[in-house]
């Protein structure tokens, strides 16, 4: 199934954190850092600002980003989990 985000939304595939550290210690979910990494799968169709100008996307498909752990909307497509969030919710671009 193909999905195309609308407006200024971005479809992101979360990159799962490792649950075991290098020393073999298992890290519980409550101790993990809140922001998480993800890979941009698709960007939206764009939207207009207050003056009627098109907004510019600062990310593209394939970019690695840092996003808030509890931001956006979780969706499941073909048994894979994704998040749809607004471009403004993206914290940083990695790399």
PDB file of N, CA and C in Angstrom:
ATOM      1  N   UNK A   1       0.837  -1.168   0.000  1.00  0.00           N
ATOM      2  CA  UNK A   1       0.000   0.000   0.000  1.00  0.00           C
ATOM      3  C   UNK A   1       0.890   1.242   0.000  1.00  0.00           C
ATOM      4  N   UNK A   2       0.546   2.232  -0.812  1.00  0.00           N
ATOM      5  CA  UNK A   2       1.296   3.476  -0.870  1.00  0.00           C
ATOM      6  C   UNK A   2       0.520   4.540  -0.121  1.00  0.00           C
ATOM      7  N   UNK A   3       1.228   5.358   0.646  1.00  0.00           N
ATOM      8  CA  UNK A   3       0.586   6.422   1.406  1.00  0.00           C
ATOM      9  C   UNK A   3       1.281   7.742   1.091  1.00  0.00           C
ATOM     10  N   UNK A   4       0.495   8.777   0.883  1.00  0.00           N
ATOM     11  CA  UNK A   4       1.009  10.121   0.593  1.00  0.00           C
ATOM     12  C   UNK A   4       0.483  11.074   1.667  1.00  0.00           C
ATOM     13  N   UNK A   5       1.362  11.601   2.525  1.00  0.00           N
ATOM     14  CA  UNK A   5       0.909  12.563   3.525  1.00  0.00           C
ATOM     15  C   UNK A   5       0.367  13.827   2.850  1.00  0.00           C
ATOM     16  N   UNK A   6      -0.542  14.511   3.503  1.00  0.00           N
ATOM     17  CA  UNK A   6      -1.127  15.733   2.972  1.00  0.00           C
ATOM     18  C   UNK A   6      -0.582  16.949   3.708  1.00  0.00           C
ATOM     19  N   UNK A   7      -0.633  18.099   3.058  1.00  0.00           N
ATOM     20  CA  UNK A   7      -0.200  19.344   3.678  1.00  0.00           C
ATOM     21  C   UNK A   7       1.267  19.326   4.043  1.00  0.00           C
ATOM     22  N   UNK A   8       1.583  19.814   5.232  1.00  0.00           N
ATOM     23  CA  UNK A   8       2.974  19.891   5.676  1.00  0.00           C
ATOM     24  C   UNK A   8       3.366  18.691   6.552  1.00  0.00           C
ATOM     25  N   UNK A   9       2.694  17.571   6.344  1.00  0.00           N
ATOM     26  CA  UNK A   9       2.976  16.377   7.148  1.00  0.00           C
ATOM     27  C   UNK A   9       4.061  15.514   6.500  1.00  0.00           C
ATOM     28  N   UNK A  10       4.717  14.726   7.347  1.00  0.00           N
ATOM     29  CA  UNK A  10       5.823  13.872   6.924  1.00  0.00           C
ATOM     30  C   UNK A  10       5.579  12.468   7.463  1.00  0.00           C
ATOM     31  N   UNK A  11       5.771  11.451   6.616  1.00  0.00           N
ATOM     32  CA  UNK A  11       5.661  10.051   7.028  1.00  0.00           C
ATOM     33  C   UNK A  11       7.049   9.568   7.419  1.00  0.00           C
ATOM     34  N   UNK A  12       7.182   9.079   8.651  1.00  0.00           N
ATOM     35  CA  UNK A  12       8.480   8.691   9.195  1.00  0.00           C
ATOM     36  C   UNK A  12       8.423   7.258   9.699  1.00  0.00           C
ATOM     37  N   UNK A  13       9.471   6.501   9.390  1.00  0.00           N
ATOM     38  CA  UNK A  13       9.622   5.150   9.944  1.00  0.00           C
ATOM     39  C   UNK A  13      10.569   5.248  11.137  1.00  0.00           C
ATOM     40  N   UNK A  14      10.071   5.013  12.358  1.00  0.00           N
ATOM     41  CA  UNK A  14      10.935   5.111  13.534  1.00  0.00           C
ATOM     42  C   UNK A  14      12.064   4.077  13.482  1.00  0.00           C
ATOM     43  N   UNK A  15      13.234   4.490  13.919  1.00  0.00           N
ATOM     44  CA  UNK A  15      14.375   3.580  14.035  1.00  0.00           C
ATOM     45  C   UNK A  15      14.406   3.123  15.482  1.00  0.00           C
ATOM     46  N   UNK A  16      14.208   1.840  15.687  1.00  0.00           N
ATOM     47  CA  UNK A  16      14.121   1.295  17.045  1.00  0.00           C
ATOM     48  C   UNK A  16      15.459   1.406  17.757  1.00  0.00           C
ATOM     49  N   UNK A  17      15.390   1.791  19.033  1.00  0.00           N
ATOM     50  CA  UNK A  17      16.593   1.845  19.864  1.00  0.00           C
ATOM     51  C   UNK A  17      16.991   0.434  20.267  1.00  0.00           C
ATOM     52  N   UNK A  18      18.275   0.244  20.458  1.00  0.00           N
ATOM     53  CA  UNK A  18      18.741  -1.060  20.918  1.00  0.00           C
ATOM     54  C   UNK A  18      18.349  -1.233  22.370  1.00  0.00           C
ATOM     55  N   UNK A  19      17.859  -2.423  22.703  1.00  0.00           N
ATOM     56  CA  UNK A  19      17.408  -2.676  24.065  1.00  0.00           C
ATOM     57  C   UNK A  19      18.514  -3.192  24.969  1.00  0.00           C
ATOM     58  N   UNK A  20      19.655  -3.551  24.378  1.00  0.00           N
ATOM     59  CA  UNK A  20      20.773  -4.051  25.167  1.00  0.00           C
ATOM     60  C   UNK A  20      21.979  -3.172  24.880  1.00  0.00           C
ATOM     61  N   UNK A  21      22.643  -2.712  25.928  1.00  0.00           N
ATOM     62  CA  UNK A  21      23.813  -1.857  25.749  1.00  0.00           C
ATOM     63  C   UNK A  21      25.019  -2.703  25.351  1.00  0.00           C
ATOM     64  N   UNK A  22      26.137  -2.039  25.069  1.00  0.00           N
ATOM     65  CA  UNK A  22      27.348  -2.756  24.666  1.00  0.00           C
ATOM     66  C   UNK A  22      27.826  -3.720  25.744  1.00  0.00           C
ATOM     67  N   UNK A  23      27.585  -3.384  26.991  1.00  0.00           N
ATOM     68  CA  UNK A  23      28.015  -4.239  28.100  1.00  0.00           C
ATOM     69  C   UNK A  23      27.042  -5.367  28.410  1.00  0.00           C
ATOM     70  N   UNK A  24      25.940  -5.453  27.654  1.00  0.00           N
ATOM     71  CA  UNK A  24      24.972  -6.520  27.857  1.00  0.00           C
ATOM     72  C   UNK A  24      23.863  -6.179  28.836  1.00  0.00           C
ATOM     73  N   UNK A  25      23.809  -4.931  29.281  1.00  0.00           N
ATOM     74  CA  UNK A  25      22.779  -4.518  30.232  1.00  0.00           C
ATOM     75  C   UNK A  25      21.497  -4.216  29.471  1.00  0.00           C
ATOM     76  N   UNK A  26      20.388  -4.770  29.934  1.00  0.00           N
ATOM     77  CA  UNK A  26      19.092  -4.519  29.307  1.00  0.00           C
ATOM     78  C   UNK A  26      18.551  -3.191  29.832  1.00  0.00           C
ATOM     79  N   UNK A  27      18.175  -2.309  28.914  1.00  0.00           N
ATOM     80  CA  UNK A  27      17.693  -0.984  29.282  1.00  0.00           C
ATOM     81  C   UNK A  27      16.168  -0.967  29.204  1.00  0.00           C
ATOM     82  N   UNK A  28      15.477  -0.688  30.322  1.00  0.00           N
ATOM     83  CA  UNK A  28      14.009  -0.643  30.287  1.00  0.00           C
ATOM     84  C   UNK A  28      13.514   0.591  29.535  1.00  0.00           C
ATOM     85  N   UNK A  29      12.275   0.520  29.010  1.00  0.00           N
ATOM     86  CA  UNK A  29      11.700   1.630  28.257  1.00  0.00           C
ATOM     87  C   UNK A  29      11.676   2.923  29.058  1.00  0.00           C
ATOM     88  N   UNK A  30      11.438   2.827  30.359  1.00  0.00           N
ATOM     89  CA  UNK A  30      11.335   4.034  31.186  1.00  0.00           C
ATOM     90  C   UNK A  30      12.669   4.768  31.319  1.00  0.00           C
ATOM     91  N   UNK A  31      13.781   4.097  31.071  1.00  0.00           N
ATOM     92  CA  UNK A  31      15.092   4.721  31.212  1.00  0.00           C
ATOM     93  C   UNK A  31      15.643   5.240  29.892  1.00  0.00           C
ATOM     94  N   UNK A  32      14.970   4.943  28.798  1.00  0.00           N
ATOM     95  CA  UNK A  32      15.445   5.395  27.495  1.00  0.00           C
ATOM     96  C   UNK A  32      15.145   6.872  27.314  1.00  0.00           C
ATOM     97  N   UNK A  33      15.968   7.520  26.511  1.00  0.00           N
ATOM     98  CA  UNK A  33      15.743   8.931  26.234  1.00  0.00           C
ATOM     99  C   UNK A  33      14.475   9.101  25.416  1.00  0.00           C
ATOM    100  N   UNK A  34      13.799  10.216  25.594  1.00  0.00           N
ATOM    101  CA  UNK A  34      12.512  10.435  24.934  1.00  0.00           C
ATOM    102  C   UNK A  34      12.613  10.729  23.437  1.00  0.00           C
ATOM    103  N   UNK A  35      13.472  11.678  22.957  1.00  0.00           N
ATOM    104  CA  UNK A  35      13.519  11.884  21.510  1.00  0.00           C
ATOM    105  C   UNK A  35      14.028  10.635  20.816  1.00  0.00           C
ATOM    106  N   UNK A  36      13.564  10.399  19.593  1.00  0.00           N
ATOM    107  CA  UNK A  36      13.995   9.213  18.888  1.00  0.00           C
ATOM    108  C   UNK A  36      14.297   9.534  17.438  1.00  0.00           C
ATOM    109  N   UNK A  37      15.021   8.628  16.813  1.00  0.00           N
ATOM    110  CA  UNK A  37      15.419   8.812  15.428  1.00  0.00           C
ATOM    111  C   UNK A  37      14.416   8.161  14.500  1.00  0.00           C
ATOM    112  N   UNK A  38      14.372   8.654  13.288  1.00  0.00           N
ATOM    113  CA  UNK A  38      13.488   8.081  12.288  1.00  0.00           C
ATOM    114  C   UNK A  38      14.001   8.374  10.900  1.00  0.00           C
ATOM    115  N   UNK A  39      13.452   7.666   9.924  1.00  0.00           N
ATOM    116  CA  UNK A  39      13.819   7.851   8.525  1.00  0.00           C
ATOM    117  C   UNK A  39      12.590   8.366   7.781  1.00  0.00           C
ATOM    118  N   UNK A  40      12.757   9.467   7.056  1.00  0.00           N
ATOM    119  CA  UNK A  40      11.657  10.054   6.302  1.00  0.00           C
ATOM    120  C   UNK A  40      11.338   9.141   5.114  1.00  0.00           C
ATOM    121  N   UNK A  41      10.084   8.709   5.024  1.00  0.00           N
ATOM    122  CA  UNK A  41       9.630   7.845   3.930  1.00  0.00           C
ATOM    123  C   UNK A  41       8.978   8.678   2.833  1.00  0.00           C
ATOM    124  N   UNK A  42       8.155   9.645   3.210  1.00  0.00           N
ATOM    125  CA  UNK A  42       7.468  10.492   2.233  1.00  0.00           C
ATOM    126  C   UNK A  42       7.148  11.836   2.857  1.00  0.00           C
ATOM    127  N   UNK A  43       7.095  12.872   2.021  1.00  0.00           N
ATOM    128  CA  UNK A  43       6.705  14.197   2.499  1.00  0.00           C
ATOM    129  C   UNK A  43       5.359  14.564   1.898  1.00  0.00           C
ATOM    130  N   UNK A  44       4.694  15.507   2.529  1.00  0.00           N
ATOM    131  CA  UNK A  44       3.353  15.894   2.113  1.00  0.00           C
ATOM    132  C   UNK A  44       3.317  16.695   0.821  1.00  0.00           C
ATOM    133  N   UNK A  45       2.129  17.145   0.503  1.00  0.00           N
ATOM    134  CA  UNK A  45       1.883  17.879  -0.734  1.00  0.00           C
ATOM    135  C   UNK A  45       2.216  19.359  -0.599  1.00  0.00           C
ATOM    136  N   UNK A  46       2.494  19.816   0.608  1.00  0.00           N
ATOM    137  CA  UNK A  46       2.816  21.217   0.852  1.00  0.00           C
ATOM    138  C   UNK A  46       1.585  22.003   1.236  1.00  0.00           C
ATOM    139  N   UNK A  47       1.828  23.221   1.727  1.00  0.00           N
ATOM    140  CA  UNK A  47       0.705  24.089   2.066  1.00  0.00           C
ATOM    141  C   UNK A  47       1.145  25.527   1.896  1.00  0.00           C
ATOM    142  N   UNK A  48       0.210  26.426   1.967  1.00  0.00           N
ATOM    143  CA  UNK A  48       0.469  27.855   1.799  1.00  0.00           C
ATOM    144  C   UNK A  48       0.582  28.512   3.168  1.00  0.00           C
ATOM    145  N   UNK A  49       1.464  29.515   3.267  1.00  0.00           N
ATOM    146  CA  UNK A  49       1.548  30.278   4.509  1.00  0.00           C
ATOM    147  C   UNK A  49       0.497  31.387   4.493  1.00  0.00           C
ATOM    148  N   UNK A  50       0.534  32.271   5.473  1.00  0.00           N
ATOM    149  CA  UNK A  50      -0.473  33.339   5.593  1.00  0.00           C
ATOM    150  C   UNK A  50      -0.480  34.305   4.412  1.00  0.00           C
ATOM    151  N   UNK A  51       0.661  34.430   3.730  1.00  0.00           N
ATOM    152  CA  UNK A  51       0.766  35.357   2.601  1.00  0.00           C
ATOM    153  C   UNK A  51       0.500  34.680   1.262  1.00  0.00           C
ATOM    154  N   UNK A  52       0.178  33.396   1.268  1.00  0.00           N
ATOM    155  CA  UNK A  52      -0.112  32.670   0.041  1.00  0.00           C
ATOM    156  C   UNK A  52       1.093  32.029  -0.620  1.00  0.00           C
ATOM    157  N   UNK A  53       2.261  32.080   0.030  1.00  0.00           N
ATOM    158  CA  UNK A  53       3.472  31.461  -0.510  1.00  0.00           C
ATOM    159  C   UNK A  53       3.539  29.996  -0.109  1.00  0.00           C
ATOM    160  N   UNK A  54       4.106  29.172  -0.983  1.00  0.00           N
ATOM    161  CA  UNK A  54       4.294  27.757  -0.665  1.00  0.00           C
ATOM    162  C   UNK A  54       5.339  27.610   0.432  1.00  0.00           C
ATOM    163  N   UNK A  55       5.079  26.724   1.403  1.00  0.00           N
ATOM    164  CA  UNK A  55       6.072  26.443   2.439  1.00  0.00           C
ATOM    165  C   UNK A  55       7.136  25.510   1.862  1.00  0.00           C
ATOM    166  N   UNK A  56       8.335  25.647   2.369  1.00  0.00           N
ATOM    167  CA  UNK A  56       9.464  24.850   1.884  1.00  0.00           C
ATOM    168  C   UNK A  56       9.693  23.694   2.847  1.00  0.00           C
ATOM    169  N   UNK A  57       9.841  22.480   2.308  1.00  0.00           N
ATOM    170  CA  UNK A  57      10.187  21.337   3.149  1.00  0.00           C
ATOM    171  C   UNK A  57      11.692  21.338   3.379  1.00  0.00           C
ATOM    172  N   UNK A  58      12.092  21.146   4.634  1.00  0.00           N
ATOM    173  CA  UNK A  58      13.509  21.115   4.977  1.00  0.00           C
ATOM    174  C   UNK A  58      14.052  19.694   5.031  1.00  0.00           C
ATOM    175  N   UNK A  59      13.191  18.713   4.810  1.00  0.00           N
ATOM    176  CA  UNK A  59      13.609  17.309   4.764  1.00  0.00           C
ATOM    177  C   UNK A  59      13.093  16.703   3.472  1.00  0.00           C
ATOM    178  N   UNK A  60      13.692  15.568   3.099  1.00  0.00           N
ATOM    179  CA  UNK A  60      13.244  14.832   1.914  1.00  0.00           C
ATOM    180  C   UNK A  60      13.248  13.346   2.245  1.00  0.00           C
ATOM    181  N   UNK A  61      12.636  12.559   1.389  1.00  0.00           N
ATOM    182  CA  UNK A  61      12.597  11.109   1.600  1.00  0.00           C
ATOM    183  C   UNK A  61      14.027  10.583   1.708  1.00  0.00           C
ATOM    184  N   UNK A  62      14.253   9.749   2.715  1.00  0.00           N
ATOM    185  CA  UNK A  62      15.575   9.165   2.938  1.00  0.00           C
ATOM    186  C   UNK A  62      16.374   9.855   4.020  1.00  0.00           C
ATOM    187  N   UNK A  63      15.987  11.085   4.413  1.00  0.00           N
ATOM    188  CA  UNK A  63      16.702  11.804   5.470  1.00  0.00           C
ATOM    189  C   UNK A  63      16.480  11.128   6.814  1.00  0.00           C
ATOM    190  N   UNK A  64      17.503  11.188   7.654  1.00  0.00           N
ATOM    191  CA  UNK A  64      17.411  10.679   9.019  1.00  0.00           C
ATOM    192  C   UNK A  64      17.140  11.878   9.921  1.00  0.00           C
ATOM    193  N   UNK A  65      16.136  11.759  10.786  1.00  0.00           N
ATOM    194  CA  UNK A  65      15.721  12.894  11.612  1.00  0.00           C
ATOM    195  C   UNK A  65      15.620  12.516  13.076  1.00  0.00           C
ATOM    196  N   UNK A  66      15.537  13.536  13.906  1.00  0.00           N
ATOM    197  CA  UNK A  66      15.285  13.381  15.333  1.00  0.00           C
ATOM    198  C   UNK A  66      13.891  13.936  15.580  1.00  0.00           C
ATOM    199  N   UNK A  67      13.020  13.129  16.182  1.00  0.00           N
ATOM    200  CA  UNK A  67      11.630  13.543  16.390  1.00  0.00           C
ATOM    201  C   UNK A  67      11.232  13.292  17.840  1.00  0.00           C
ATOM    202  N   UNK A  68      10.207  13.981  18.308  1.00  0.00           N
ATOM    203  CA  UNK A  68       9.762  13.750  19.684  1.00  0.00           C
ATOM    204  C   UNK A  68       9.136  12.366  19.823  1.00  0.00           C
ATOM    205  N   UNK A  69       9.382  11.724  20.934  1.00  0.00           N
ATOM    206  CA  UNK A  69       8.883  10.368  21.163  1.00  0.00           C
ATOM    207  C   UNK A  69       7.360  10.324  21.146  1.00  0.00           C
ATOM    208  N   UNK A  70       6.718  11.340  21.684  1.00  0.00           N
ATOM    209  CA  UNK A  70       5.267  11.302  21.807  1.00  0.00           C
ATOM    210  C   UNK A  70       4.566  12.236  20.830  1.00  0.00           C
ATOM    211  N   UNK A  71       5.255  12.698  19.796  1.00  0.00           N
ATOM    212  CA  UNK A  71       4.639  13.585  18.819  1.00  0.00           C
ATOM    213  C   UNK A  71       4.067  12.806  17.646  1.00  0.00           C
ATOM    214  N   UNK A  72       3.205  13.441  16.894  1.00  0.00           N
ATOM    215  CA  UNK A  72       2.660  12.830  15.692  1.00  0.00           C
ATOM    216  C   UNK A  72       1.593  11.791  15.974  1.00  0.00           C
ATOM    217  N   UNK A  73       1.215  11.103  14.898  1.00  0.00           N
ATOM    218  CA  UNK A  73       0.190  10.071  14.965  1.00  0.00           C
ATOM    219  C   UNK A  73       0.789   8.748  14.499  1.00  0.00           C
ATOM    220  N   UNK A  74       0.637   7.715  15.307  1.00  0.00           N
ATOM    221  CA  UNK A  74       1.151   6.398  14.934  1.00  0.00           C
ATOM    222  C   UNK A  74       0.173   5.717  13.994  1.00  0.00           C
ATOM    223  N   UNK A  75       0.695   5.143  12.908  1.00  0.00           N
ATOM    224  CA  UNK A  75      -0.123   4.385  11.965  1.00  0.00           C
ATOM    225  C   UNK A  75       0.591   3.080  11.653  1.00  0.00           C
ATOM    226  N   UNK A  76      -0.195   2.066  11.286  1.00  0.00           N
ATOM    227  CA  UNK A  76       0.364   0.765  10.937  1.00  0.00           C
ATOM    228  C   UNK A  76      -0.056   0.450   9.507  1.00  0.00           C
ATOM    229  N   UNK A  77       0.922   0.259   8.622  1.00  0.00           N
ATOM    230  CA  UNK A  77       0.673  -0.019   7.217  1.00  0.00           C
ATOM    231  C   UNK A  77       1.445  -1.283   6.846  1.00  0.00           C
ATOM    232  N   UNK A  78       0.734  -2.281   6.353  1.00  0.00           N
ATOM    233  CA  UNK A  78       1.365  -3.552   5.965  1.00  0.00           C
ATOM    234  C   UNK A  78       2.250  -4.101   7.081  1.00  0.00           C
ATOM    235  N   UNK A  79       1.736  -4.106   8.306  1.00  0.00           N
ATOM    236  CA  UNK A  79       2.419  -4.631   9.494  1.00  0.00           C
ATOM    237  C   UNK A  79       3.701  -3.884   9.857  1.00  0.00           C
ATOM    238  N   UNK A  80       3.891  -2.666   9.363  1.00  0.00           N
ATOM    239  CA  UNK A  80       5.028  -1.834   9.749  1.00  0.00           C
ATOM    240  C   UNK A  80       4.476  -0.594  10.430  1.00  0.00           C
ATOM    241  N   UNK A  81       5.166  -0.149  11.476  1.00  0.00           N
ATOM    242  CA  UNK A  81       4.715   1.023  12.214  1.00  0.00           C
ATOM    243  C   UNK A  81       5.404   2.278  11.688  1.00  0.00           C
ATOM    244  N   UNK A  82       4.609   3.333  11.527  1.00  0.00           N
ATOM    245  CA  UNK A  82       5.090   4.621  11.060  1.00  0.00           C
ATOM    246  C   UNK A  82       4.513   5.706  11.949  1.00  0.00           C
ATOM    247  N   UNK A  83       5.037   6.913  11.787  1.00  0.00           N
ATOM    248  CA  UNK A  83       4.475   8.080  12.435  1.00  0.00           C
ATOM    249  C   UNK A  83       4.268   9.153  11.387  1.00  0.00           C
ATOM    250  N   UNK A  84       3.133   9.834  11.479  1.00  0.00           N
ATOM    251  CA  UNK A  84       2.880  10.984  10.625  1.00  0.00           C
ATOM    252  C   UNK A  84       2.923  12.200  11.534  1.00  0.00           C
ATOM    253  N   UNK A  85       3.814  13.143  11.212  1.00  0.00           N
ATOM    254  CA  UNK A  85       3.933  14.344  12.009  1.00  0.00           C
ATOM    255  C   UNK A  85       4.110  15.564  11.120  1.00  0.00           C
ATOM    256  N   UNK A  86       3.847  16.710  11.679  1.00  0.00           N
ATOM    257  CA  UNK A  86       4.034  17.955  10.932  1.00  0.00           C
ATOM    258  C   UNK A  86       5.522  18.264  10.838  1.00  0.00           C
ATOM    259  N   UNK A  87       5.897  18.949   9.763  1.00  0.00           N
ATOM    260  CA  UNK A  87       7.298  19.302   9.595  1.00  0.00           C
ATOM    261  C   UNK A  87       7.800  20.129  10.784  1.00  0.00           C
ATOM    262  N   UNK A  88       6.952  20.964  11.359  1.00  0.00           N
ATOM    263  CA  UNK A  88       7.345  21.794  12.505  1.00  0.00           C
ATOM    264  C   UNK A  88       7.673  20.962  13.739  1.00  0.00           C
ATOM    265  N   UNK A  89       7.175  19.729  13.814  1.00  0.00           N
ATOM    266  CA  UNK A  89       7.446  18.867  14.964  1.00  0.00           C
ATOM    267  C   UNK A  89       8.810  18.194  14.891  1.00  0.00           C
ATOM    268  N   UNK A  90       9.458  18.206  13.735  1.00  0.00           N
ATOM    269  CA  UNK A  90      10.774  17.584  13.590  1.00  0.00           C
ATOM    270  C   UNK A  90      11.797  18.418  14.355  1.00  0.00           C
ATOM    271  N   UNK A  91      12.571  17.760  15.213  1.00  0.00           N
ATOM    272  CA  UNK A  91      13.534  18.465  16.057  1.00  0.00           C
ATOM    273  C   UNK A  91      14.834  18.792  15.327  1.00  0.00           C
ATOM    274  N   UNK A  92      15.333  17.843  14.511  1.00  0.00           N
ATOM    275  CA  UNK A  92      16.608  18.048  13.832  1.00  0.00           C
ATOM    276  C   UNK A  92      16.768  17.051  12.690  1.00  0.00           C
ATOM    277  N   UNK A  93      17.642  17.401  11.779  1.00  0.00           N
ATOM    278  CA  UNK A  93      18.025  16.508  10.683  1.00  0.00           C
ATOM    279  C   UNK A  93      19.404  15.971  11.039  1.00  0.00           C
ATOM    280  N   UNK A  94      19.592  14.660  10.950  1.00  0.00           N
ATOM    281  CA  UNK A  94      20.853  14.017  11.350  1.00  0.00           C
ATOM    282  C   UNK A  94      21.658  13.699  10.099  1.00  0.00           C
ATOM    283  N   UNK A  95      22.935  14.005  10.150  1.00  0.00           N
ATOM    284  CA  UNK A  95      23.814  13.636   9.040  1.00  0.00           C
ATOM    285  C   UNK A  95      24.081  14.756   8.184  1.00  0.00           C
TER     286      UNK A  95
END
